[in-house]
Amino acid sequence: MKPAASPLELHGSFALAMSTRQPSLSLFSGSCGEIAYHPALHALGSSLVLGDPLCSEVDRPSLLADFLAVNPRSAFLQVSESTALELGRLGFHCTPMGFESWIPLQDWHLRGQARKYLRYVLSRARRQAVTLQDWPDYLERMDELQEISRHWLGLRRRNASELHFLARPLDSCHDPATRCFVARRDGRTIAFVMFDPLYRDGRVIGYAASLLRSRELGSAGWQDFIVLGAMEHFRLRGLEWLTLGLSPFAPAEAAQAISSPPATRAIFSWWLEHGNWLYNFRGVGFHKRRYPAQRRTMYFCSRQALPLLELRDALAAMQVRPLQRFGGHLLRMLESASG
């Protein structure tokens, strides 16, 4: 007898669904679903909820109420408009924290000026004899993937360590439903992309491109080559969606019924314009704009109109150390100025 589908398999249709399985997160289990959250980091801290509740829309109000009865001091990160609207009714302030790019696979094509760069990526791969491979046995090749990932992190100017929480690290990618596609040249793997499944009613309806790595600096083209090849693979198998994930703090319109605190909006705007030393916010958003896609506004929700402590805790959960990164940023500026 086939086991009953889990809340993830029934309701995990959002980009961060598989990220809710990170070892550092806890699961609140109710009678109608689950909520994944990072426990409070200190006595004055808040529980940090990752993504939408894993439940039906009908059950969402009661599951949120049950969770908040146990965890009254909580903030919610990267939740959908429908979850933000429900949290707004519960007294939360909800602020757009960027948008996710969603591509309907059955409508996908490469015609037109807007997709010129993507056609160039494919022609460049043909010229350089780069090939695409699906690695269903990626768990047995994790050492090679880890080596590429370490090399990629070493090439990054701003991200010298693996992100957690909002980004699922490679060492937690161990689900057999996750797909790994690689680009190879001259018998060597030069890049890979991990794709996490999106579920609805117990079946896979698409994938989220969750982790992109390359051996070569400035080689986003190889990662795009993999994404394009995987999209075609998924499209031919009748899947519905591919999401490229969040463009953090990119301008995004809030729903009319959602009132966003000006202070939180200002913080997010400042991070986008001046916080690239902390994370490559603008670069991530620019890269995803190369793909014509549907944009879905995502929200940060807090009971505080000025949630400084919760934002600090979110960075800590991501294992981002602002002082360390700012120090590195200043050193690079001094090195550049000194020639």
C-alpha atoms as a PDB file:
ATOM      1  CA  MET A   1       0.000   0.000   0.000  1.00  0.00           C
ATOM      2  CA  LYS A   2       1.372   3.401  -1.013  1.00  0.00           C
ATOM      3  CA  PRO A   3       2.079   5.652   2.003  1.00  0.00           C
ATOM      4  CA  ALA A   4      -0.010   8.797   2.381  1.00  0.00           C
ATOM      5  CA  ALA A   5       1.469  11.930   0.828  1.00  0.00           C
ATOM      6  CA  SER A   6       3.240  14.263   3.251  1.00  0.00           C
ATOM      7  CA  PRO A   7       2.290  17.950   3.689  1.00  0.00           C
ATOM      8  CA  LEU A   8       5.346  18.769   1.544  1.00  0.00           C
ATOM      9  CA  GLU A   9       4.124  16.523  -1.281  1.00  0.00           C
ATOM     10  CA  LEU A  10       0.585  17.854  -1.023  1.00  0.00           C
ATOM     11  CA  HIS A  11       1.271  21.588  -0.672  1.00  0.00           C
ATOM     12  CA  GLY A  12       4.953  22.218  -1.510  1.00  0.00           C
ATOM     13  CA  SER A  13       4.303  24.273  -4.647  1.00  0.00           C
ATOM     14  CA  PHE A  14       6.335  27.326  -3.550  1.00  0.00           C
ATOM     15  CA  ALA A  15       9.987  27.993  -4.355  1.00  0.00           C
ATOM     16  CA  LEU A  16      11.302  27.344  -0.834  1.00  0.00           C
ATOM     17  CA  ALA A  17       9.294  24.179  -0.208  1.00  0.00           C
ATOM     18  CA  MET A  18      12.309  21.836  -0.219  1.00  0.00           C
ATOM     19  CA  SER A  19      14.335  24.372   1.778  1.00  0.00           C
ATOM     20  CA  THR A  20      11.958  23.746   4.675  1.00  0.00           C
ATOM     21  CA  ARG A  21      13.833  20.443   5.121  1.00  0.00           C
ATOM     22  CA  GLN A  22      17.100  22.083   6.174  1.00  0.00           C
ATOM     23  CA  PRO A  23      18.499  20.410   9.321  1.00  0.00           C
ATOM     24  CA  SER A  24      18.686  23.757  11.154  1.00  0.00           C
ATOM     25  CA  LEU A  25      14.908  24.265  10.911  1.00  0.00           C
ATOM     26  CA  SER A  26      12.115  22.994  13.121  1.00  0.00           C
ATOM     27  CA  LEU A  27       8.676  21.860  11.979  1.00  0.00           C
ATOM     28  CA  PHE A  28       5.463  22.881  13.681  1.00  0.00           C
ATOM     29  CA  SER A  29       2.987  20.107  12.913  1.00  0.00           C
ATOM     30  CA  GLY A  30      -0.718  20.797  13.184  1.00  0.00           C
ATOM     31  CA  SER A  31      -3.704  18.665  12.324  1.00  0.00           C
ATOM     32  CA  CYS A  32      -3.876  20.188   8.833  1.00  0.00           C
ATOM     33  CA  GLY A  33      -0.261  20.853   7.856  1.00  0.00           C
ATOM     34  CA  GLU A  34       3.208  22.082   8.809  1.00  0.00           C
ATOM     35  CA  ILE A  35       5.136  25.323   9.235  1.00  0.00           C
ATOM     36  CA  ALA A  36       8.947  25.372   8.970  1.00  0.00           C
ATOM     37  CA  TYR A  37      10.819  27.863  11.112  1.00  0.00           C
ATOM     38  CA  HIS A  38      14.212  28.695  12.542  1.00  0.00           C
ATOM     39  CA  PRO A  39      13.948  28.747  16.343  1.00  0.00           C
ATOM     40  CA  ALA A  40      14.683  32.020  18.136  1.00  0.00           C
ATOM     41  CA  LEU A  41      18.415  32.645  18.412  1.00  0.00           C
ATOM     42  CA  HIS A  42      18.259  34.343  21.834  1.00  0.00           C
ATOM     43  CA  ALA A  43      15.852  35.206  24.645  1.00  0.00           C
ATOM     44  CA  LEU A  44      14.560  38.334  22.903  1.00  0.00           C
ATOM     45  CA  GLY A  45      14.565  36.779  19.454  1.00  0.00           C
ATOM     46  CA  SER A  46      11.743  35.708  17.183  1.00  0.00           C
ATOM     47  CA  SER A  47      10.993  32.455  15.444  1.00  0.00           C
ATOM     48  CA  LEU A  48      11.776  32.950  11.749  1.00  0.00           C
ATOM     49  CA  VAL A  49       9.279  31.212   9.480  1.00  0.00           C
ATOM     50  CA  LEU A  50      10.562  30.145   6.061  1.00  0.00           C
ATOM     51  CA  GLY A  51       8.096  30.369   3.195  1.00  0.00           C
ATOM     52  CA  ASP A  52       4.410  29.557   3.159  1.00  0.00           C
ATOM     53  CA  PRO A  53       2.649  27.112   5.473  1.00  0.00           C
ATOM     54  CA  LEU A  54       2.463  23.600   4.053  1.00  0.00           C
ATOM     55  CA  CYS A  55      -1.312  23.306   4.038  1.00  0.00           C
ATOM     56  CA  SER A  56      -4.355  24.094   1.921  1.00  0.00           C
ATOM     57  CA  GLU A  57      -5.567  27.683   1.593  1.00  0.00           C
ATOM     58  CA  VAL A  58      -8.708  26.729   3.513  1.00  0.00           C
ATOM     59  CA  ASP A  59      -6.637  25.476   6.460  1.00  0.00           C
ATOM     60  CA  ARG A  60      -4.074  28.290   6.415  1.00  0.00           C
ATOM     61  CA  PRO A  61      -5.852  30.633   8.901  1.00  0.00           C
ATOM     62  CA  SER A  62      -6.252  27.930  11.551  1.00  0.00           C
ATOM     63  CA  LEU A  63      -2.696  26.581  11.104  1.00  0.00           C
ATOM     64  CA  LEU A  64      -1.229  30.093  11.419  1.00  0.00           C
ATOM     65  CA  ALA A  65      -3.352  30.778  14.500  1.00  0.00           C
ATOM     66  CA  ASP A  66      -2.210  27.527  16.132  1.00  0.00           C
ATOM     67  CA  PHE A  67       1.433  28.266  15.334  1.00  0.00           C
ATOM     68  CA  LEU A  68       1.266  31.832  16.668  1.00  0.00           C
ATOM     69  CA  ALA A  69      -0.411  30.645  19.856  1.00  0.00           C
ATOM     70  CA  VAL A  70       2.768  28.658  20.566  1.00  0.00           C
ATOM     71  CA  ASN A  71       5.231  31.094  18.896  1.00  0.00           C
ATOM     72  CA  PRO A  72       3.709  34.567  19.380  1.00  0.00           C
ATOM     73  CA  ARG A  73       7.008  36.295  18.645  1.00  0.00           C
ATOM     74  CA  SER A  74       7.547  35.351  15.008  1.00  0.00           C
ATOM     75  CA  ALA A  75       8.508  36.859  11.665  1.00  0.00           C
ATOM     76  CA  PHE A  76       7.755  35.377   8.250  1.00  0.00           C
ATOM     77  CA  LEU A  77      10.182  35.531   5.316  1.00  0.00           C
ATOM     78  CA  GLN A  78       9.508  35.088   1.593  1.00  0.00           C
ATOM     79  CA  VAL A  79       5.802  34.346   1.860  1.00  0.00           C
ATOM     80  CA  SER A  80       3.223  34.703  -0.893  1.00  0.00           C
ATOM     81  CA  GLU A  81       0.573  37.388  -1.205  1.00  0.00           C
ATOM     82  CA  SER A  82      -2.182  35.128   0.121  1.00  0.00           C
ATOM     83  CA  THR A  83      -0.170  34.310   3.257  1.00  0.00           C
ATOM     84  CA  ALA A  84       0.720  37.992   3.709  1.00  0.00           C
ATOM     85  CA  LEU A  85      -2.953  38.963   3.487  1.00  0.00           C
ATOM     86  CA  GLU A  86      -3.835  36.452   6.201  1.00  0.00           C
ATOM     87  CA  LEU A  87      -0.978  37.665   8.407  1.00  0.00           C
ATOM     88  CA  GLY A  88      -2.118  41.244   7.853  1.00  0.00           C
ATOM     89  CA  ARG A  89      -5.491  40.280   9.300  1.00  0.00           C
ATOM     90  CA  LEU A  90      -3.610  38.949  12.337  1.00  0.00           C
ATOM     91  CA  GLY A  91      -1.893  42.288  12.929  1.00  0.00           C
ATOM     92  CA  PHE A  92       1.351  41.792  11.006  1.00  0.00           C
ATOM     93  CA  HIS A  93       3.091  44.475   8.944  1.00  0.00           C
ATOM     94  CA  CYS A  94       3.893  43.026   5.501  1.00  0.00           C
ATOM     95  CA  THR A  95       6.555  44.478   3.210  1.00  0.00           C
ATOM     96  CA  PRO A  96       7.582  43.336  -0.297  1.00  0.00           C
ATOM     97  CA  MET A  97      11.063  41.791  -0.158  1.00  0.00           C
ATOM     98  CA  GLY A  98      11.439  41.318  -3.915  1.00  0.00           C
ATOM     99  CA  PHE A  99       9.825  39.086  -6.482  1.00  0.00           C
ATOM    100  CA  GLU A 100      10.181  35.515  -7.673  1.00  0.00           C
ATOM    101  CA  SER A 101      10.510  34.702 -11.378  1.00  0.00           C
ATOM    102  CA  TRP A 102       8.168  31.924 -12.545  1.00  0.00           C
ATOM    103  CA  ILE A 103       8.287  30.471 -16.062  1.00  0.00           C
ATOM    104  CA  PRO A 104       5.271  28.523 -17.425  1.00  0.00           C
ATOM    105  CA  LEU A 105       7.101  25.705 -19.178  1.00  0.00           C
ATOM    106  CA  GLN A 106       4.434  24.761 -21.701  1.00  0.00           C
ATOM    107  CA  ASP A 107       4.467  28.334 -23.082  1.00  0.00           C
ATOM    108  CA  TRP A 108       8.268  28.625 -23.158  1.00  0.00           C
ATOM    109  CA  HIS A 109      10.125  29.495 -26.381  1.00  0.00           C
ATOM    110  CA  LEU A 110      13.350  31.206 -27.450  1.00  0.00           C
ATOM    111  CA  ARG A 111      11.990  33.538 -30.116  1.00  0.00           C
ATOM    112  CA  GLY A 112      12.241  37.317 -30.047  1.00  0.00           C
ATOM    113  CA  GLN A 113      14.655  40.044 -28.985  1.00  0.00           C
ATOM    114  CA  ALA A 114      14.020  39.511 -25.260  1.00  0.00           C
ATOM    115  CA  ARG A 115      15.578  36.038 -25.498  1.00  0.00           C
ATOM    116  CA  LYS A 116      18.576  36.980 -27.647  1.00  0.00           C
ATOM    117  CA  TYR A 117      21.062  36.461 -24.811  1.00  0.00           C
ATOM    118  CA  LEU A 118      19.658  33.000 -24.078  1.00  0.00           C
ATOM    119  CA  ARG A 119      20.060  31.972 -27.732  1.00  0.00           C
ATOM    120  CA  TYR A 120      23.656  33.222 -27.564  1.00  0.00           C
ATOM    121  CA  VAL A 121      24.282  31.007 -24.520  1.00  0.00           C
ATOM    122  CA  LEU A 122      23.192  27.921 -26.463  1.00  0.00           C
ATOM    123  CA  SER A 123      25.229  28.788 -29.560  1.00  0.00           C
ATOM    124  CA  ARG A 124      28.308  29.469 -27.411  1.00  0.00           C
ATOM    125  CA  ALA A 125      27.929  26.054 -25.791  1.00  0.00           C
ATOM    126  CA  ARG A 126      27.756  24.401 -29.228  1.00  0.00           C
ATOM    127  CA  ARG A 127      30.902  26.224 -30.389  1.00  0.00           C
ATOM    128  CA  GLN A 128      32.823  25.138 -27.296  1.00  0.00           C
ATOM    129  CA  ALA A 129      31.454  21.575 -27.329  1.00  0.00           C
ATOM    130  CA  VAL A 130      29.869  21.944 -23.902  1.00  0.00           C
ATOM    131  CA  THR A 131      27.333  19.202 -23.203  1.00  0.00           C
ATOM    132  CA  LEU A 132      24.509  18.790 -20.704  1.00  0.00           C
ATOM    133  CA  GLN A 133      24.091  15.750 -18.474  1.00  0.00           C
ATOM    134  CA  ASP A 134      21.388  14.743 -16.008  1.00  0.00           C
ATOM    135  CA  TRP A 135      22.936  13.156 -12.908  1.00  0.00           C
ATOM    136  CA  PRO A 136      20.213  11.059 -11.237  1.00  0.00           C
ATOM    137  CA  ASP A 137      22.991   9.552  -9.095  1.00  0.00           C
ATOM    138  CA  TYR A 138      24.264  12.940  -7.920  1.00  0.00           C
ATOM    139  CA  LEU A 139      24.355  11.766  -4.293  1.00  0.00           C
ATOM    140  CA  GLU A 140      27.139   9.360  -5.276  1.00  0.00           C
ATOM    141  CA  ARG A 141      29.068  12.239  -6.903  1.00  0.00           C
ATOM    142  CA  MET A 142      28.688  14.701  -4.053  1.00  0.00           C
ATOM    143  CA  ASP A 143      32.466  14.967  -3.525  1.00  0.00           C
ATOM    144  CA  GLU A 144      32.880  16.379  -7.049  1.00  0.00           C
ATOM    145  CA  LEU A 145      29.969  18.789  -6.576  1.00  0.00           C
ATOM    146  CA  GLN A 146      31.374  19.935  -3.234  1.00  0.00           C
ATOM    147  CA  GLU A 147      34.761  20.589  -4.842  1.00  0.00           C
ATOM    148  CA  ILE A 148      33.160  22.754  -7.553  1.00  0.00           C
ATOM    149  CA  SER A 149      31.096  24.567  -4.934  1.00  0.00           C
ATOM    150  CA  ARG A 150      34.146  25.315  -2.770  1.00  0.00           C
ATOM    151  CA  HIS A 151      35.999  26.603  -5.824  1.00  0.00           C
ATOM    152  CA  TRP A 152      33.040  28.807  -6.795  1.00  0.00           C
ATOM    153  CA  LEU A 153      32.800  30.251  -3.282  1.00  0.00           C
ATOM    154  CA  GLY A 154      36.514  31.009  -3.392  1.00  0.00           C
ATOM    155  CA  LEU A 155      36.030  33.006  -6.599  1.00  0.00           C
ATOM    156  CA  ARG A 156      33.247  35.158  -5.172  1.00  0.00           C
ATOM    157  CA  ARG A 157      34.156  38.658  -4.069  1.00  0.00           C
ATOM    158  CA  ARG A 158      31.276  38.995  -1.633  1.00  0.00           C
ATOM    159  CA  ASN A 159      30.138  35.512  -0.709  1.00  0.00           C
ATOM    160  CA  ALA A 160      33.056  33.599   0.716  1.00  0.00           C
ATOM    161  CA  SER A 161      30.839  31.201   2.657  1.00  0.00           C
ATOM    162  CA  GLU A 162      27.741  29.148   1.920  1.00  0.00           C
ATOM    163  CA  LEU A 163      24.417  30.815   2.668  1.00  0.00           C
ATOM    164  CA  HIS A 164      21.778  29.043   4.738  1.00  0.00           C
ATOM    165  CA  PHE A 165      18.087  29.448   5.572  1.00  0.00           C
ATOM    166  CA  LEU A 166      16.803  31.467   2.571  1.00  0.00           C
ATOM    167  CA  ALA A 167      19.273  29.530   0.412  1.00  0.00           C
ATOM    168  CA  ARG A 168      19.570  25.756   0.882  1.00  0.00           C
ATOM    169  CA  PRO A 169      23.263  24.792   1.191  1.00  0.00           C
ATOM    170  CA  LEU A 170      24.659  21.959  -0.890  1.00  0.00           C
ATOM    171  CA  ASP A 171      25.283  19.711   2.097  1.00  0.00           C
ATOM    172  CA  SER A 172      21.521  19.596   2.751  1.00  0.00           C
ATOM    173  CA  CYS A 173      20.696  18.616  -0.857  1.00  0.00           C
ATOM    174  CA  HIS A 174      20.205  14.914  -0.244  1.00  0.00           C
ATOM    175  CA  ASP A 175      16.625  14.294  -1.329  1.00  0.00           C
ATOM    176  CA  PRO A 176      16.316  11.758  -4.180  1.00  0.00           C
ATOM    177  CA  ALA A 177      13.575  13.911  -5.758  1.00  0.00           C
ATOM    178  CA  THR A 178      16.045  16.785  -6.238  1.00  0.00           C
ATOM    179  CA  ARG A 179      17.555  16.846  -9.736  1.00  0.00           C
ATOM    180  CA  CYS A 180      21.125  17.722 -10.649  1.00  0.00           C
ATOM    181  CA  PHE A 181      22.134  18.795 -14.166  1.00  0.00           C
ATOM    182  CA  VAL A 182      25.750  19.496 -15.099  1.00  0.00           C
ATOM    183  CA  ALA A 183      27.680  21.119 -17.942  1.00  0.00           C
ATOM    184  CA  ARG A 184      30.760  19.227 -19.149  1.00  0.00           C
ATOM    185  CA  ARG A 185      33.617  20.174 -21.460  1.00  0.00           C
ATOM    186  CA  ASP A 186      36.614  18.042 -22.419  1.00  0.00           C
ATOM    187  CA  GLY A 187      35.535  15.312 -20.018  1.00  0.00           C
ATOM    188  CA  ARG A 188      35.345  17.689 -17.051  1.00  0.00           C
ATOM    189  CA  THR A 189      32.358  19.048 -15.135  1.00  0.00           C
ATOM    190  CA  ILE A 190      32.473  22.852 -15.302  1.00  0.00           C
ATOM    191  CA  ALA A 191      29.142  23.815 -13.702  1.00  0.00           C
ATOM    192  CA  PHE A 192      26.057  22.352 -12.081  1.00  0.00           C
ATOM    193  CA  VAL A 193      22.561  23.412 -11.051  1.00  0.00           C
ATOM    194  CA  MET A 194      20.363  21.753  -8.443  1.00  0.00           C
ATOM    195  CA  PHE A 195      16.612  21.716  -9.073  1.00  0.00           C
ATOM    196  CA  ASP A 196      14.221  21.186  -6.170  1.00  0.00           C
ATOM    197  CA  PRO A 197      10.801  19.653  -6.899  1.00  0.00           C
ATOM    198  CA  LEU A 198       7.567  21.635  -6.653  1.00  0.00           C
ATOM    199  CA  TYR A 199       4.640  19.533  -5.476  1.00  0.00           C
ATOM    200  CA  ARG A 200       0.870  19.737  -5.712  1.00  0.00           C
ATOM    201  CA  ASP A 201      -1.560  17.046  -4.556  1.00  0.00           C
ATOM    202  CA  GLY A 202       1.160  14.423  -4.299  1.00  0.00           C
ATOM    203  CA  ARG A 203       2.781  14.909  -7.704  1.00  0.00           C
ATOM    204  CA  VAL A 204       5.699  16.936  -9.063  1.00  0.00           C
ATOM    205  CA  ILE A 205       4.477  19.928 -11.112  1.00  0.00           C
ATOM    206  CA  GLY A 206       7.817  21.624 -11.742  1.00  0.00           C
ATOM    207  CA  TYR A 207      11.168  22.581 -10.269  1.00  0.00           C
ATOM    208  CA  ALA A 208      12.951  25.444  -8.538  1.00  0.00           C
ATOM    209  CA  ALA A 209      16.524  26.244  -9.606  1.00  0.00           C
ATOM    210  CA  SER A 210      17.943  26.326  -6.092  1.00  0.00           C
ATOM    211  CA  LEU A 211      21.731  26.148  -6.331  1.00  0.00           C
ATOM    212  CA  LEU A 212      23.954  27.272  -9.233  1.00  0.00           C
ATOM    213  CA  ARG A 213      27.713  26.712  -9.180  1.00  0.00           C
ATOM    214  CA  SER A 214      30.592  26.960 -11.673  1.00  0.00           C
ATOM    215  CA  ARG A 215      34.342  26.433 -11.754  1.00  0.00           C
ATOM    216  CA  GLU A 216      34.904  29.628 -13.727  1.00  0.00           C
ATOM    217  CA  LEU A 217      34.571  33.269 -12.699  1.00  0.00           C
ATOM    218  CA  GLY A 218      32.120  35.253 -14.779  1.00  0.00           C
ATOM    219  CA  SER A 219      30.639  32.079 -16.233  1.00  0.00           C
ATOM    220  CA  ALA A 220      26.952  32.547 -15.505  1.00  0.00           C
ATOM    221  CA  GLY A 221      26.468  31.530 -19.128  1.00  0.00           C
ATOM    222  CA  TRP A 222      27.225  27.887 -18.294  1.00  0.00           C
ATOM    223  CA  GLN A 223      24.662  27.955 -15.524  1.00  0.00           C
ATOM    224  CA  ASP A 224      22.149  29.482 -17.952  1.00  0.00           C
ATOM    225  CA  PHE A 225      23.017  26.722 -20.431  1.00  0.00           C
ATOM    226  CA  ILE A 226      22.117  24.160 -17.779  1.00  0.00           C
ATOM    227  CA  VAL A 227      18.888  25.948 -16.817  1.00  0.00           C
ATOM    228  CA  LEU A 228      17.782  26.156 -20.455  1.00  0.00           C
ATOM    229  CA  GLY A 229      18.533  22.487 -21.076  1.00  0.00           C
ATOM    230  CA  ALA A 230      16.757  21.403 -17.910  1.00  0.00           C
ATOM    231  CA  MET A 231      13.742  23.560 -18.797  1.00  0.00           C
ATOM    232  CA  GLU A 232      13.407  21.759 -22.121  1.00  0.00           C
ATOM    233  CA  HIS A 233      13.782  18.407 -20.378  1.00  0.00           C
ATOM    234  CA  PHE A 234      11.011  19.293 -17.914  1.00  0.00           C
ATOM    235  CA  ARG A 235       8.787  20.830 -20.613  1.00  0.00           C
ATOM    236  CA  LEU A 236       8.884  17.693 -22.749  1.00  0.00           C
ATOM    237  CA  ARG A 237       7.778  15.687 -19.726  1.00  0.00           C
ATOM    238  CA  GLY A 238       4.677  17.830 -19.301  1.00  0.00           C
ATOM    239  CA  LEU A 239       5.701  19.745 -16.185  1.00  0.00           C
ATOM    240  CA  GLU A 240       4.133  23.134 -15.552  1.00  0.00           C
ATOM    241  CA  TRP A 241       6.625  25.453 -13.869  1.00  0.00           C
ATOM    242  CA  LEU A 242      10.240  26.396 -13.388  1.00  0.00           C
ATOM    243  CA  THR A 243      11.027  29.099 -10.863  1.00  0.00           C
ATOM    244  CA  LEU A 244      14.348  30.917 -10.694  1.00  0.00           C
ATOM    245  CA  GLY A 245      13.638  32.027  -7.138  1.00  0.00           C
ATOM    246  CA  LEU A 246      13.838  35.424  -5.493  1.00  0.00           C
ATOM    247  CA  SER A 247      15.319  38.678  -6.773  1.00  0.00           C
ATOM    248  CA  PRO A 248      15.929  40.048  -3.271  1.00  0.00           C
ATOM    249  CA  PHE A 249      14.635  43.569  -2.593  1.00  0.00           C
ATOM    250  CA  ALA A 250      13.990  44.224  -6.284  1.00  0.00           C
ATOM    251  CA  PRO A 251      11.141  46.752  -6.675  1.00  0.00           C
ATOM    252  CA  ALA A 252       7.847  44.888  -6.356  1.00  0.00           C
ATOM    253  CA  GLU A 253       4.312  46.146  -5.961  1.00  0.00           C
ATOM    254  CA  ALA A 254       2.396  45.257  -2.813  1.00  0.00           C
ATOM    255  CA  ALA A 255      -1.193  44.089  -3.062  1.00  0.00           C
ATOM    256  CA  GLN A 256      -3.673  46.935  -2.626  1.00  0.00           C
ATOM    257  CA  ALA A 257      -4.962  45.505   0.647  1.00  0.00           C
ATOM    258  CA  ILE A 258      -1.449  45.313   2.154  1.00  0.00           C
ATOM    259  CA  SER A 259      -0.025  48.331   3.965  1.00  0.00           C
ATOM    260  CA  SER A 260       3.777  48.261   4.170  1.00  0.00           C
ATOM    261  CA  PRO A 261       5.711  50.172   6.870  1.00  0.00           C
ATOM    262  CA  PRO A 262       7.782  52.966   5.275  1.00  0.00           C
ATOM    263  CA  ALA A 263      10.729  52.207   7.586  1.00  0.00           C
ATOM    264  CA  THR A 264      11.019  48.580   6.454  1.00  0.00           C
ATOM    265  CA  ARG A 265      10.623  49.610   2.822  1.00  0.00           C
ATOM    266  CA  ALA A 266      13.453  52.122   3.303  1.00  0.00           C
ATOM    267  CA  ILE A 267      15.736  49.466   4.808  1.00  0.00           C
ATOM    268  CA  PHE A 268      15.123  47.088   1.910  1.00  0.00           C
ATOM    269  CA  SER A 269      15.650  49.872  -0.632  1.00  0.00           C
ATOM    270  CA  TRP A 270      18.944  50.842   1.037  1.00  0.00           C
ATOM    271  CA  TRP A 271      20.138  47.240   1.012  1.00  0.00           C
ATOM    272  CA  LEU A 272      19.431  46.982  -2.710  1.00  0.00           C
ATOM    273  CA  GLU A 273      21.243  50.220  -3.551  1.00  0.00           C
ATOM    274  CA  HIS A 274      24.135  50.111  -1.084  1.00  0.00           C
ATOM    275  CA  GLY A 275      24.320  46.601   0.374  1.00  0.00           C
ATOM    276  CA  ASN A 276      26.103  44.694  -2.382  1.00  0.00           C
ATOM    277  CA  TRP A 277      29.046  44.256  -0.017  1.00  0.00           C
ATOM    278  CA  LEU A 278      26.692  42.132   2.092  1.00  0.00           C
ATOM    279  CA  TYR A 279      25.182  40.088  -0.746  1.00  0.00           C
ATOM    280  CA  ASN A 280      25.056  40.469  -4.512  1.00  0.00           C
ATOM    281  CA  PHE A 281      21.440  41.684  -4.480  1.00  0.00           C
ATOM    282  CA  ARG A 282      21.619  43.618  -7.749  1.00  0.00           C
ATOM    283  CA  GLY A 283      23.557  40.945  -9.611  1.00  0.00           C
ATOM    284  CA  VAL A 284      21.050  38.237  -8.716  1.00  0.00           C
ATOM    285  CA  GLY A 285      18.157  40.392  -9.878  1.00  0.00           C
ATOM    286  CA  PHE A 286      19.904  41.451 -13.104  1.00  0.00           C
ATOM    287  CA  HIS A 287      20.684  37.863 -14.064  1.00  0.00           C
ATOM    288  CA  LYS A 288      17.075  36.717 -13.628  1.00  0.00           C
ATOM    289  CA  ARG A 289      15.742  39.566 -15.759  1.00  0.00           C
ATOM    290  CA  ARG A 290      17.269  37.815 -18.776  1.00  0.00           C
ATOM    291  CA  TYR A 291      14.400  35.319 -18.548  1.00  0.00           C
ATOM    292  CA  PRO A 292      10.957  36.643 -19.521  1.00  0.00           C
ATOM    293  CA  ALA A 293       8.875  35.339 -16.632  1.00  0.00           C
ATOM    294  CA  GLN A 294       5.915  35.964 -14.392  1.00  0.00           C
ATOM    295  CA  ARG A 295       6.798  38.009 -11.325  1.00  0.00           C
ATOM    296  CA  ARG A 296       5.301  37.108  -7.971  1.00  0.00           C
ATOM    297  CA  THR A 297       5.771  39.592  -5.140  1.00  0.00           C
ATOM    298  CA  MET A 298       7.078  37.994  -1.951  1.00  0.00           C
ATOM    299  CA  TYR A 299       6.751  39.453   1.536  1.00  0.00           C
ATOM    300  CA  PHE A 300       8.504  39.878   4.854  1.00  0.00           C
ATOM    301  CA  CYS A 301       5.951  39.973   7.686  1.00  0.00           C
ATOM    302  CA  SER A 302       6.529  41.133  11.245  1.00  0.00           C
ATOM    303  CA  ARG A 303       4.518  42.507  14.133  1.00  0.00           C
ATOM    304  CA  GLN A 304       7.101  45.304  14.326  1.00  0.00           C
ATOM    305  CA  ALA A 305       6.927  48.353  12.064  1.00  0.00           C
ATOM    306  CA  LEU A 306      10.715  48.680  12.500  1.00  0.00           C
ATOM    307  CA  PRO A 307      11.919  45.057  12.736  1.00  0.00           C
ATOM    308  CA  LEU A 308      15.647  45.680  13.209  1.00  0.00           C
ATOM    309  CA  LEU A 309      16.180  42.817  15.649  1.00  0.00           C
ATOM    310  CA  GLU A 310      14.346  40.334  13.435  1.00  0.00           C
ATOM    311  CA  LEU A 311      16.305  41.396  10.363  1.00  0.00           C
ATOM    312  CA  ARG A 312      19.545  41.002  12.293  1.00  0.00           C
ATOM    313  CA  ASP A 313      18.455  37.525  13.385  1.00  0.00           C
ATOM    314  CA  ALA A 314      17.540  36.637   9.794  1.00  0.00           C
ATOM    315  CA  LEU A 315      21.095  37.486   8.697  1.00  0.00           C
ATOM    316  CA  ALA A 316      22.428  35.334  11.538  1.00  0.00           C
ATOM    317  CA  ALA A 317      20.203  32.429  10.454  1.00  0.00           C
ATOM    318  CA  MET A 318      21.610  32.823   6.942  1.00  0.00           C
ATOM    319  CA  GLN A 319      25.097  32.724   8.535  1.00  0.00           C
ATOM    320  CA  VAL A 320      25.871  36.159   7.115  1.00  0.00           C
ATOM    321  CA  ARG A 321      28.245  38.198   9.302  1.00  0.00           C
ATOM    322  CA  PRO A 322      27.804  41.872   8.343  1.00  0.00           C
ATOM    323  CA  LEU A 323      30.867  43.201  10.194  1.00  0.00           C
ATOM    324  CA  GLN A 324      33.129  40.568   8.660  1.00  0.00           C
ATOM    325  CA  ARG A 325      31.777  41.205   5.170  1.00  0.00           C
ATOM    326  CA  PHE A 326      31.978  44.974   5.545  1.00  0.00           C
ATOM    327  CA  GLY A 327      35.583  44.623   6.702  1.00  0.00           C
ATOM    328  CA  GLY A 328      36.369  42.593   3.600  1.00  0.00           C
ATOM    329  CA  HIS A 329      34.615  45.189   1.463  1.00  0.00           C
ATOM    330  CA  LEU A 330      36.768  47.986   2.939  1.00  0.00           C
ATOM    331  CA  LEU A 331      39.937  45.973   2.365  1.00  0.00           C
ATOM    332  CA  ARG A 332      39.051  45.454  -1.290  1.00  0.00           C
ATOM    333  CA  MET A 333      38.370  49.180  -1.671  1.00  0.00           C
ATOM    334  CA  LEU A 334      41.778  49.999  -0.162  1.00  0.00           C
ATOM    335  CA  GLU A 335      43.517  47.456  -2.385  1.00  0.00           C
ATOM    336  CA  SER A 336      41.797  48.918  -5.437  1.00  0.00           C
ATOM    337  CA  ALA A 337      42.721  52.483  -4.446  1.00  0.00           C
ATOM    338  CA  SER A 338      46.365  51.543  -3.911  1.00  0.00           C
ATOM    339  CA  GLY A 339      46.569  50.041  -7.380  1.00  0.00           C
END
